[in-house]
C-alpha atoms as a PDB file:
ATOM      1  CA  UNK A   1      14.444  21.362 -16.646  1.00  0.00           C
ATOM      2  CA  UNK A   2      16.235  24.618 -17.369  1.00  0.00           C
ATOM      3  CA  UNK A   3      19.628  23.589 -15.992  1.00  0.00           C
ATOM      4  CA  UNK A   4      20.183  20.493 -18.112  1.00  0.00           C
ATOM      5  CA  UNK A   5      22.763  22.039 -20.445  1.00  0.00           C
ATOM      6  CA  UNK A   6      24.942  23.211 -17.569  1.00  0.00           C
ATOM      7  CA  UNK A   7      24.553  19.856 -15.836  1.00  0.00           C
ATOM      8  CA  UNK A   8      25.712  18.019 -18.963  1.00  0.00           C
ATOM      9  CA  UNK A   9      28.757  20.269 -19.233  1.00  0.00           C
ATOM     10  CA  UNK A  10      29.671  19.934 -15.541  1.00  0.00           C
ATOM     11  CA  UNK A  11      29.566  16.137 -15.570  1.00  0.00           C
ATOM     12  CA  UNK A  12      30.757  15.641 -19.158  1.00  0.00           C
ATOM     13  CA  UNK A  13      27.551  13.925 -20.237  1.00  0.00           C
ATOM     14  CA  UNK A  14      27.081  13.830 -24.004  1.00  0.00           C
ATOM     15  CA  UNK A  15      23.508  12.726 -24.610  1.00  0.00           C
ATOM     16  CA  UNK A  16      22.333  11.275 -27.882  1.00  0.00           C
ATOM     17  CA  UNK A  17      18.790  10.342 -26.830  1.00  0.00           C
ATOM     18  CA  UNK A  18      16.218  11.252 -24.171  1.00  0.00           C
ATOM     19  CA  UNK A  19      12.936   9.871 -22.990  1.00  0.00           C
ATOM     20  CA  UNK A  20      10.605  10.580 -20.095  1.00  0.00           C
ATOM     21  CA  UNK A  21       9.219   7.949 -17.748  1.00  0.00           C
ATOM     22  CA  UNK A  22       6.667   9.619 -15.514  1.00  0.00           C
ATOM     23  CA  UNK A  23       8.536  12.661 -14.146  1.00  0.00           C
ATOM     24  CA  UNK A  24      12.025  11.249 -14.665  1.00  0.00           C
ATOM     25  CA  UNK A  25      14.229  12.044 -17.657  1.00  0.00           C
ATOM     26  CA  UNK A  26      16.232   9.098 -19.006  1.00  0.00           C
ATOM     27  CA  UNK A  27      19.441  10.318 -20.683  1.00  0.00           C
ATOM     28  CA  UNK A  28      21.414   8.050 -23.015  1.00  0.00           C
ATOM     29  CA  UNK A  29      25.130   8.828 -23.207  1.00  0.00           C
ATOM     30  CA  UNK A  30      28.210   6.668 -22.623  1.00  0.00           C
ATOM     31  CA  UNK A  31      26.067   5.464 -19.713  1.00  0.00           C
ATOM     32  CA  UNK A  32      22.359   5.773 -19.041  1.00  0.00           C
ATOM     33  CA  UNK A  33      21.325   8.257 -16.377  1.00  0.00           C
ATOM     34  CA  UNK A  34      18.100   9.205 -14.648  1.00  0.00           C
ATOM     35  CA  UNK A  35      17.588  12.899 -13.904  1.00  0.00           C
ATOM     36  CA  UNK A  36      14.848  14.132 -11.597  1.00  0.00           C
ATOM     37  CA  UNK A  37      13.889  17.241  -9.718  1.00  0.00           C
ATOM     38  CA  UNK A  38      15.843  17.215  -6.485  1.00  0.00           C
ATOM     39  CA  UNK A  39      13.846  16.229  -3.437  1.00  0.00           C
ATOM     40  CA  UNK A  40      16.658  16.480  -0.882  1.00  0.00           C
ATOM     41  CA  UNK A  41      16.980  13.078   0.788  1.00  0.00           C
ATOM     42  CA  UNK A  42      20.553  12.951   2.105  1.00  0.00           C
ATOM     43  CA  UNK A  43      19.337  12.834   5.700  1.00  0.00           C
ATOM     44  CA  UNK A  44      17.112   9.893   4.782  1.00  0.00           C
ATOM     45  CA  UNK A  45      19.936   8.040   2.998  1.00  0.00           C
ATOM     46  CA  UNK A  46      22.252   8.604   5.956  1.00  0.00           C
ATOM     47  CA  UNK A  47      19.526   7.400   8.326  1.00  0.00           C
ATOM     48  CA  UNK A  48      19.118   4.164   6.369  1.00  0.00           C
ATOM     49  CA  UNK A  49      22.839   3.510   6.061  1.00  0.00           C
ATOM     50  CA  UNK A  50      23.278   4.325   9.759  1.00  0.00           C
ATOM     51  CA  UNK A  51      20.751   1.557  10.455  1.00  0.00           C
ATOM     52  CA  UNK A  52      22.668  -0.872   8.246  1.00  0.00           C
ATOM     53  CA  UNK A  53      20.209  -0.824   5.362  1.00  0.00           C
ATOM     54  CA  UNK A  54      21.615  -0.264   1.883  1.00  0.00           C
ATOM     55  CA  UNK A  55      18.998  -1.689  -0.484  1.00  0.00           C
ATOM     56  CA  UNK A  56      18.104   1.642  -2.062  1.00  0.00           C
ATOM     57  CA  UNK A  57      19.307   3.669  -5.026  1.00  0.00           C
ATOM     58  CA  UNK A  58      21.389   6.640  -3.932  1.00  0.00           C
ATOM     59  CA  UNK A  59      22.077   9.584  -6.295  1.00  0.00           C
ATOM     60  CA  UNK A  60      25.515   9.855  -7.853  1.00  0.00           C
ATOM     61  CA  UNK A  61      25.465  13.666  -8.215  1.00  0.00           C
ATOM     62  CA  UNK A  62      23.446  16.821  -7.673  1.00  0.00           C
ATOM     63  CA  UNK A  63      23.239  20.021  -9.695  1.00  0.00           C
ATOM     64  CA  UNK A  64      21.205  22.909  -8.349  1.00  0.00           C
ATOM     65  CA  UNK A  65      17.594  21.633  -8.322  1.00  0.00           C
ATOM     66  CA  UNK A  66      18.400  18.412 -10.215  1.00  0.00           C
ATOM     67  CA  UNK A  67      19.582  15.006  -9.054  1.00  0.00           C
ATOM     68  CA  UNK A  68      21.336  12.290 -11.107  1.00  0.00           C
ATOM     69  CA  UNK A  69      21.022   8.548 -10.645  1.00  0.00           C
ATOM     70  CA  UNK A  70      22.560   5.622 -12.445  1.00  0.00           C
ATOM     71  CA  UNK A  71      19.900   3.927 -14.531  1.00  0.00           C
ATOM     72  CA  UNK A  72      18.812   0.430 -13.542  1.00  0.00           C
ATOM     73  CA  UNK A  73      17.176  -1.648 -16.255  1.00  0.00           C
ATOM     74  CA  UNK A  74      13.754  -2.657 -15.062  1.00  0.00           C
ATOM     75  CA  UNK A  75      13.027  -6.219 -16.130  1.00  0.00           C
ATOM     76  CA  UNK A  76      10.559  -6.756 -13.317  1.00  0.00           C
ATOM     77  CA  UNK A  77       7.285  -8.421 -14.034  1.00  0.00           C
ATOM     78  CA  UNK A  78       4.418  -8.697 -11.604  1.00  0.00           C
ATOM     79  CA  UNK A  79       5.406 -12.214 -10.635  1.00  0.00           C
ATOM     80  CA  UNK A  80       5.352 -13.815  -7.218  1.00  0.00           C
ATOM     81  CA  UNK A  81       9.145 -14.194  -6.931  1.00  0.00           C
ATOM     82  CA  UNK A  82       9.717 -10.505  -7.620  1.00  0.00           C
ATOM     83  CA  UNK A  83       7.055  -9.527  -5.097  1.00  0.00           C
ATOM     84  CA  UNK A  84       8.544 -11.942  -2.544  1.00  0.00           C
ATOM     85  CA  UNK A  85      11.966 -10.304  -2.965  1.00  0.00           C
ATOM     86  CA  UNK A  86      10.441  -6.861  -2.534  1.00  0.00           C
ATOM     87  CA  UNK A  87       8.459  -7.679   0.585  1.00  0.00           C
ATOM     88  CA  UNK A  88      11.434  -9.462   2.117  1.00  0.00           C
ATOM     89  CA  UNK A  89      13.552  -6.319   1.653  1.00  0.00           C
ATOM     90  CA  UNK A  90      10.695  -4.176   2.936  1.00  0.00           C
ATOM     91  CA  UNK A  91      10.428  -6.223   6.137  1.00  0.00           C
ATOM     92  CA  UNK A  92      14.187  -5.907   6.688  1.00  0.00           C
ATOM     93  CA  UNK A  93      13.991  -2.134   6.232  1.00  0.00           C
ATOM     94  CA  UNK A  94      11.069  -1.913   8.649  1.00  0.00           C
ATOM     95  CA  UNK A  95      12.870  -3.999  11.276  1.00  0.00           C
ATOM     96  CA  UNK A  96      16.069  -1.937  11.044  1.00  0.00           C
ATOM     97  CA  UNK A  97      14.328   1.418  11.415  1.00  0.00           C
ATOM     98  CA  UNK A  98      11.731   0.656  14.104  1.00  0.00           C
ATOM     99  CA  UNK A  99      11.164   2.794  17.166  1.00  0.00           C
ATOM    100  CA  UNK A 100       8.384   3.015  19.754  1.00  0.00           C
ATOM    101  CA  UNK A 101       6.087   5.970  20.357  1.00  0.00           C
ATOM    102  CA  UNK A 102       3.439   6.771  22.920  1.00  0.00           C
ATOM    103  CA  UNK A 103      -0.040   5.885  21.748  1.00  0.00           C
ATOM    104  CA  UNK A 104      -2.576   8.710  22.035  1.00  0.00           C
ATOM    105  CA  UNK A 105      -5.973   7.459  23.154  1.00  0.00           C
ATOM    106  CA  UNK A 106      -7.566  10.537  21.600  1.00  0.00           C
ATOM    107  CA  UNK A 107      -6.075   9.500  18.252  1.00  0.00           C
ATOM    108  CA  UNK A 108      -7.307   5.929  18.792  1.00  0.00           C
ATOM    109  CA  UNK A 109     -10.839   7.204  19.382  1.00  0.00           C
ATOM    110  CA  UNK A 110     -10.618   9.396  16.284  1.00  0.00           C
ATOM    111  CA  UNK A 111      -9.547   6.428  14.130  1.00  0.00           C
ATOM    112  CA  UNK A 112     -12.227   4.172  15.638  1.00  0.00           C
ATOM    113  CA  UNK A 113     -14.999   6.705  15.054  1.00  0.00           C
ATOM    114  CA  UNK A 114     -13.768   7.385  11.512  1.00  0.00           C
ATOM    115  CA  UNK A 115     -14.007   3.708  10.639  1.00  0.00           C
ATOM    116  CA  UNK A 116     -17.405   3.402  12.302  1.00  0.00           C
ATOM    117  CA  UNK A 117     -18.782   6.346  10.355  1.00  0.00           C
ATOM    118  CA  UNK A 118     -17.412   4.995   7.077  1.00  0.00           C
ATOM    119  CA  UNK A 119     -18.805   1.503   7.667  1.00  0.00           C
ATOM    120  CA  UNK A 120     -22.236   2.890   8.612  1.00  0.00           C
ATOM    121  CA  UNK A 121     -22.236   5.143   5.559  1.00  0.00           C
ATOM    122  CA  UNK A 122     -21.385   2.243   3.223  1.00  0.00           C
ATOM    123  CA  UNK A 123     -24.010   0.000   4.828  1.00  0.00           C
ATOM    124  CA  UNK A 124     -26.716   2.643   4.362  1.00  0.00           C
ATOM    125  CA  UNK A 125     -25.530   3.434   0.833  1.00  0.00           C
ATOM    126  CA  UNK A 126     -25.614  -0.181  -0.329  1.00  0.00           C
ATOM    127  CA  UNK A 127     -28.898  -0.824   1.474  1.00  0.00           C
ATOM    128  CA  UNK A 128     -30.485   2.107  -0.382  1.00  0.00           C
ATOM    129  CA  UNK A 129     -29.202   0.750  -3.690  1.00  0.00           C
ATOM    130  CA  UNK A 130     -30.627  -2.677  -2.896  1.00  0.00           C
ATOM    131  CA  UNK A 131     -34.032  -1.187  -2.091  1.00  0.00           C
ATOM    132  CA  UNK A 132     -33.988   0.891  -5.263  1.00  0.00           C
ATOM    133  CA  UNK A 133     -33.005  -1.991  -7.527  1.00  0.00           C
ATOM    134  CA  UNK A 134     -35.611  -4.291  -5.980  1.00  0.00           C
ATOM    135  CA  UNK A 135     -38.328  -1.868  -7.109  1.00  0.00           C
ATOM    136  CA  UNK A 136     -37.398  -2.362 -10.767  1.00  0.00           C
ATOM    137  CA  UNK A 137     -39.483  -4.772 -12.809  1.00  0.00           C
ATOM    138  CA  UNK A 138     -36.442  -5.707 -14.843  1.00  0.00           C
ATOM    139  CA  UNK A 139     -32.896  -5.358 -13.633  1.00  0.00           C
ATOM    140  CA  UNK A 140     -29.929  -4.355 -15.748  1.00  0.00           C
ATOM    141  CA  UNK A 141     -26.935  -6.764 -15.761  1.00  0.00           C
ATOM    142  CA  UNK A 142     -25.070  -4.714 -13.159  1.00  0.00           C
ATOM    143  CA  UNK A 143     -28.125  -4.475 -10.909  1.00  0.00           C
ATOM    144  CA  UNK A 144     -28.722  -8.205 -11.151  1.00  0.00           C
ATOM    145  CA  UNK A 145     -25.089  -8.969 -10.316  1.00  0.00           C
ATOM    146  CA  UNK A 146     -25.213  -6.529  -7.421  1.00  0.00           C
ATOM    147  CA  UNK A 147     -28.418  -8.009  -5.956  1.00  0.00           C
ATOM    148  CA  UNK A 148     -27.076 -11.536  -6.262  1.00  0.00           C
ATOM    149  CA  UNK A 149     -24.011 -10.580  -4.217  1.00  0.00           C
ATOM    150  CA  UNK A 150     -25.316  -7.979  -1.789  1.00  0.00           C
ATOM    151  CA  UNK A 151     -25.120 -10.458   1.095  1.00  0.00           C
ATOM    152  CA  UNK A 152     -21.336 -10.647   0.580  1.00  0.00           C
ATOM    153  CA  UNK A 153     -21.089  -6.886   0.918  1.00  0.00           C
ATOM    154  CA  UNK A 154     -23.161  -6.839   4.116  1.00  0.00           C
ATOM    155  CA  UNK A 155     -21.183  -9.737   5.574  1.00  0.00           C
ATOM    156  CA  UNK A 156     -17.971  -7.929   4.730  1.00  0.00           C
ATOM    157  CA  UNK A 157     -19.169  -4.749   6.456  1.00  0.00           C
ATOM    158  CA  UNK A 158     -20.232  -6.744   9.527  1.00  0.00           C
ATOM    159  CA  UNK A 159     -16.756  -8.227   9.675  1.00  0.00           C
ATOM    160  CA  UNK A 160     -15.277  -4.725   9.462  1.00  0.00           C
ATOM    161  CA  UNK A 161     -17.467  -3.693  12.413  1.00  0.00           C
ATOM    162  CA  UNK A 162     -16.078  -6.616  14.383  1.00  0.00           C
ATOM    163  CA  UNK A 163     -12.501  -5.720  13.484  1.00  0.00           C
ATOM    164  CA  UNK A 164     -13.021  -2.082  14.415  1.00  0.00           C
ATOM    165  CA  UNK A 165     -14.354  -3.027  17.851  1.00  0.00           C
ATOM    166  CA  UNK A 166     -11.409  -5.387  18.313  1.00  0.00           C
ATOM    167  CA  UNK A 167      -8.989  -2.659  17.217  1.00  0.00           C
ATOM    168  CA  UNK A 168     -10.487  -0.230  19.746  1.00  0.00           C
ATOM    169  CA  UNK A 169     -10.319  -2.782  22.551  1.00  0.00           C
ATOM    170  CA  UNK A 170      -6.678  -3.671  21.827  1.00  0.00           C
ATOM    171  CA  UNK A 171      -5.584  -0.074  21.316  1.00  0.00           C
ATOM    172  CA  UNK A 172      -7.085   0.989  24.638  1.00  0.00           C
ATOM    173  CA  UNK A 173      -4.962  -1.651  26.362  1.00  0.00           C
ATOM    174  CA  UNK A 174      -1.770  -0.400  24.716  1.00  0.00           C
ATOM    175  CA  UNK A 175       0.349   2.585  25.605  1.00  0.00           C
ATOM    176  CA  UNK A 176       2.852   2.369  22.768  1.00  0.00           C
ATOM    177  CA  UNK A 177       2.924   1.686  19.049  1.00  0.00           C
ATOM    178  CA  UNK A 178       5.681   0.964  16.565  1.00  0.00           C
ATOM    179  CA  UNK A 179       6.735   3.177  13.725  1.00  0.00           C
ATOM    180  CA  UNK A 180       9.466   2.843  11.148  1.00  0.00           C
ATOM    181  CA  UNK A 181      10.512   4.157   7.767  1.00  0.00           C
ATOM    182  CA  UNK A 182       7.852   3.287   5.214  1.00  0.00           C
ATOM    183  CA  UNK A 183       8.082   3.599   1.432  1.00  0.00           C
ATOM    184  CA  UNK A 184       4.584   5.087   1.202  1.00  0.00           C
ATOM    185  CA  UNK A 185       4.535   4.427  -2.548  1.00  0.00           C
ATOM    186  CA  UNK A 186       5.131   0.706  -2.771  1.00  0.00           C
ATOM    187  CA  UNK A 187       5.183  -0.616  -6.324  1.00  0.00           C
ATOM    188  CA  UNK A 188       7.117  -3.366  -8.076  1.00  0.00           C
ATOM    189  CA  UNK A 189       8.221  -0.812 -10.693  1.00  0.00           C
ATOM    190  CA  UNK A 190      10.125   1.000  -7.943  1.00  0.00           C
ATOM    191  CA  UNK A 191      12.008  -2.095  -6.809  1.00  0.00           C
ATOM    192  CA  UNK A 192      14.656  -2.898  -9.404  1.00  0.00           C
ATOM    193  CA  UNK A 193      17.449  -5.464  -9.107  1.00  0.00           C
ATOM    194  CA  UNK A 194      16.923  -5.683  -5.370  1.00  0.00           C
ATOM    195  CA  UNK A 195      16.945  -1.921  -4.750  1.00  0.00           C
ATOM    196  CA  UNK A 196      14.185   0.508  -3.814  1.00  0.00           C
ATOM    197  CA  UNK A 197      14.497   3.227  -6.438  1.00  0.00           C
ATOM    198  CA  UNK A 198      11.923   5.759  -5.298  1.00  0.00           C
ATOM    199  CA  UNK A 199      11.986   7.115  -1.752  1.00  0.00           C
ATOM    200  CA  UNK A 200      10.353  10.419  -2.674  1.00  0.00           C
ATOM    201  CA  UNK A 201       7.308   9.676  -0.520  1.00  0.00           C
ATOM    202  CA  UNK A 202       9.090   7.890   2.334  1.00  0.00           C
ATOM    203  CA  UNK A 203       8.077   8.847   5.862  1.00  0.00           C
ATOM    204  CA  UNK A 204       8.066   7.610   9.446  1.00  0.00           C
ATOM    205  CA  UNK A 205       4.787   5.867  10.236  1.00  0.00           C
ATOM    206  CA  UNK A 206       3.273   2.520  11.133  1.00  0.00           C
ATOM    207  CA  UNK A 207       4.645  -0.377   9.047  1.00  0.00           C
ATOM    208  CA  UNK A 208       1.042  -1.374   8.388  1.00  0.00           C
ATOM    209  CA  UNK A 209       0.633   1.371   5.762  1.00  0.00           C
ATOM    210  CA  UNK A 210       3.169  -0.208   3.402  1.00  0.00           C
ATOM    211  CA  UNK A 211       1.358  -3.534   3.753  1.00  0.00           C
ATOM    212  CA  UNK A 212      -1.959  -1.858   2.955  1.00  0.00           C
ATOM    213  CA  UNK A 213      -0.435  -0.415  -0.240  1.00  0.00           C
ATOM    214  CA  UNK A 214       0.984  -3.791  -1.169  1.00  0.00           C
ATOM    215  CA  UNK A 215      -2.273  -5.632  -0.535  1.00  0.00           C
ATOM    216  CA  UNK A 216      -4.433  -3.226  -2.506  1.00  0.00           C
ATOM    217  CA  UNK A 217      -2.082  -3.452  -5.489  1.00  0.00           C
ATOM    218  CA  UNK A 218      -1.365  -7.187  -5.395  1.00  0.00           C
ATOM    219  CA  UNK A 219      -4.087  -8.910  -3.348  1.00  0.00           C
ATOM    220  CA  UNK A 220      -4.629 -11.424  -6.161  1.00  0.00           C
ATOM    221  CA  UNK A 221      -0.943 -12.472  -6.351  1.00  0.00           C
ATOM    222  CA  UNK A 222      -0.955 -15.105  -3.587  1.00  0.00           C
ATOM    223  CA  UNK A 223      -0.779 -12.422  -0.941  1.00  0.00           C
ATOM    224  CA  UNK A 224      -0.783 -14.970   1.857  1.00  0.00           C
ATOM    225  CA  UNK A 225       2.684 -16.114   0.750  1.00  0.00           C
ATOM    226  CA  UNK A 226       3.859 -12.501   0.680  1.00  0.00           C
ATOM    227  CA  UNK A 227       2.445 -11.933   4.148  1.00  0.00           C
ATOM    228  CA  UNK A 228       4.215 -14.989   5.555  1.00  0.00           C
ATOM    229  CA  UNK A 229       7.566 -13.830   4.163  1.00  0.00           C
ATOM    230  CA  UNK A 230       7.043 -10.379   5.627  1.00  0.00           C
ATOM    231  CA  UNK A 231       6.160 -11.739   9.066  1.00  0.00           C
ATOM    232  CA  UNK A 232       9.159 -14.095   9.044  1.00  0.00           C
ATOM    233  CA  UNK A 233      11.345 -10.964   9.127  1.00  0.00           C
ATOM    234  CA  UNK A 234       9.061  -8.543  10.976  1.00  0.00           C
ATOM    235  CA  UNK A 235       6.423 -10.011  13.239  1.00  0.00           C
ATOM    236  CA  UNK A 236       3.309  -7.862  13.568  1.00  0.00           C
ATOM    237  CA  UNK A 237       1.773  -7.635  17.006  1.00  0.00           C
ATOM    238  CA  UNK A 238      -1.943  -8.333  17.375  1.00  0.00           C
ATOM    239  CA  UNK A 239      -2.973  -4.672  17.302  1.00  0.00           C
ATOM    240  CA  UNK A 240      -1.015  -4.062  14.090  1.00  0.00           C
ATOM    241  CA  UNK A 241      -2.456  -7.148  12.440  1.00  0.00           C
ATOM    242  CA  UNK A 242      -6.035  -6.225  13.316  1.00  0.00           C
ATOM    243  CA  UNK A 243      -5.482  -2.661  12.093  1.00  0.00           C
ATOM    244  CA  UNK A 244      -4.053  -4.021   8.842  1.00  0.00           C
ATOM    245  CA  UNK A 245      -6.963  -6.414   8.292  1.00  0.00           C
ATOM    246  CA  UNK A 246      -9.456  -3.666   9.082  1.00  0.00           C
ATOM    247  CA  UNK A 247      -7.962  -1.313   6.506  1.00  0.00           C
ATOM    248  CA  UNK A 248      -7.856  -3.866   3.714  1.00  0.00           C
ATOM    249  CA  UNK A 249     -11.310  -5.307   4.451  1.00  0.00           C
ATOM    250  CA  UNK A 250     -13.401  -2.165   4.081  1.00  0.00           C
ATOM    251  CA  UNK A 251     -15.044  -2.189   0.625  1.00  0.00           C
ATOM    252  CA  UNK A 252     -15.120   0.879  -1.551  1.00  0.00           C
ATOM    253  CA  UNK A 253     -18.154   2.727  -2.799  1.00  0.00           C
ATOM    254  CA  UNK A 254     -19.229   1.882  -6.341  1.00  0.00           C
ATOM    255  CA  UNK A 255     -21.610   3.978  -8.396  1.00  0.00           C
ATOM    256  CA  UNK A 256     -23.827   3.100 -11.348  1.00  0.00           C
ATOM    257  CA  UNK A 257     -23.446   6.099 -13.633  1.00  0.00           C
ATOM    258  CA  UNK A 258     -21.442   4.588 -16.481  1.00  0.00           C
ATOM    259  CA  UNK A 259     -22.149   2.136 -19.316  1.00  0.00           C
ATOM    260  CA  UNK A 260     -23.680  -1.241 -18.517  1.00  0.00           C
ATOM    261  CA  UNK A 261     -20.354  -2.898 -19.307  1.00  0.00           C
ATOM    262  CA  UNK A 262     -18.336  -0.636 -16.978  1.00  0.00           C
ATOM    263  CA  UNK A 263     -20.926  -0.765 -14.243  1.00  0.00           C
ATOM    264  CA  UNK A 264     -20.976  -4.560 -14.365  1.00  0.00           C
ATOM    265  CA  UNK A 265     -17.189  -4.675 -14.373  1.00  0.00           C
ATOM    266  CA  UNK A 266     -17.037  -2.416 -11.301  1.00  0.00           C
ATOM    267  CA  UNK A 267     -19.488  -4.607  -9.379  1.00  0.00           C
ATOM    268  CA  UNK A 268     -17.565  -7.710 -10.365  1.00  0.00           C
ATOM    269  CA  UNK A 269     -14.260  -6.130  -9.278  1.00  0.00           C
ATOM    270  CA  UNK A 270     -15.653  -5.287  -5.847  1.00  0.00           C
ATOM    271  CA  UNK A 271     -17.094  -8.770  -5.310  1.00  0.00           C
ATOM    272  CA  UNK A 272     -13.841 -10.296  -6.514  1.00  0.00           C
ATOM    273  CA  UNK A 273     -11.900  -8.164  -4.016  1.00  0.00           C
ATOM    274  CA  UNK A 274     -14.229  -9.163  -1.167  1.00  0.00           C
ATOM    275  CA  UNK A 275     -13.832 -12.821  -2.121  1.00  0.00           C
ATOM    276  CA  UNK A 276     -10.022 -12.616  -2.064  1.00  0.00           C
ATOM    277  CA  UNK A 277     -10.194 -10.687   1.180  1.00  0.00           C
ATOM    278  CA  UNK A 278     -12.454 -13.290   2.777  1.00  0.00           C
ATOM    279  CA  UNK A 279     -10.055 -16.076   1.839  1.00  0.00           C
ATOM    280  CA  UNK A 280      -7.082 -14.130   3.160  1.00  0.00           C
ATOM    281  CA  UNK A 281      -8.854 -13.450   6.455  1.00  0.00           C
ATOM    282  CA  UNK A 282      -9.734 -17.122   6.851  1.00  0.00           C
ATOM    283  CA  UNK A 283      -6.092 -18.044   6.366  1.00  0.00           C
ATOM    284  CA  UNK A 284      -5.163 -15.539   9.058  1.00  0.00           C
ATOM    285  CA  UNK A 285      -8.020 -16.259  11.439  1.00  0.00           C
ATOM    286  CA  UNK A 286      -5.892 -16.178  14.579  1.00  0.00           C
ATOM    287  CA  UNK A 287      -7.398 -12.709  15.106  1.00  0.00           C
ATOM    288  CA  UNK A 288     -10.398 -14.558  16.524  1.00  0.00           C
ATOM    289  CA  UNK A 289      -8.260 -16.372  19.097  1.00  0.00           C
ATOM    290  CA  UNK A 290      -7.938 -15.133  22.632  1.00  0.00           C
ATOM    291  CA  UNK A 291      -4.423 -13.749  23.093  1.00  0.00           C
ATOM    292  CA  UNK A 292      -3.579 -14.213  26.746  1.00  0.00           C
ATOM    293  CA  UNK A 293      -0.226 -12.510  26.271  1.00  0.00           C
ATOM    294  CA  UNK A 294      -1.817  -9.246  25.177  1.00  0.00           C
ATOM    295  CA  UNK A 295       0.118  -9.150  21.882  1.00  0.00           C
END
């Protein structure tokens, strides 16, 4: 940051200590400041304030390619209450910035086929691994754990197939979809004292993408409670809910090219994720119900 000296002079900042947190410089003076490279966001801030949403950290000053924020002490822990506060604020932001757009059926088909291809690839990949491991006289710990739980993986992929077909059916009956401002980088470390502190990746898109981020980071933190709080402020329609469940249900590809310990851990993590996902889907099983209202 070549312009720091001039910035300090301009704003009469007399630092006595610095430290970096990720790409942000924390400057200790009479106050504590955060200095970052300037990603111009004034239009975004004005958009949020114009929609009566103020739960974000706005810069106090700019200098050339640098931006200055007041420092907020981050005492957040990954605890349910903190996550509940964050998702409540997120739902409010989504609701205040929502608009409707025309739904492209070509885009729907592209999404549907992309999911289908991915599901088929994963099914074939895991089936090949199962066949290979079954040929071994003795299985390693990770292979044994994998073979014991392969039925969960197949069941999970079958469920994803069902969700994808349901998504395609619902999307083809719709002509509009909702979009809103999304954080696109949702993390409890970027929600401090009730304020979103990092909007660098914010964009206009489906609200579902913030929920996907949140689920993948915190699925084991009583996510059903988080989901209920979100939906009490921003009710997802049936298409959005199915699309959300589809995205979070697809398992990832694991490989077996590390140590036995790491391989076993990776298998266990996948099975653990599928187990949490299964429980969450059971608690939200209204997706199986016939919706006569078309929502």
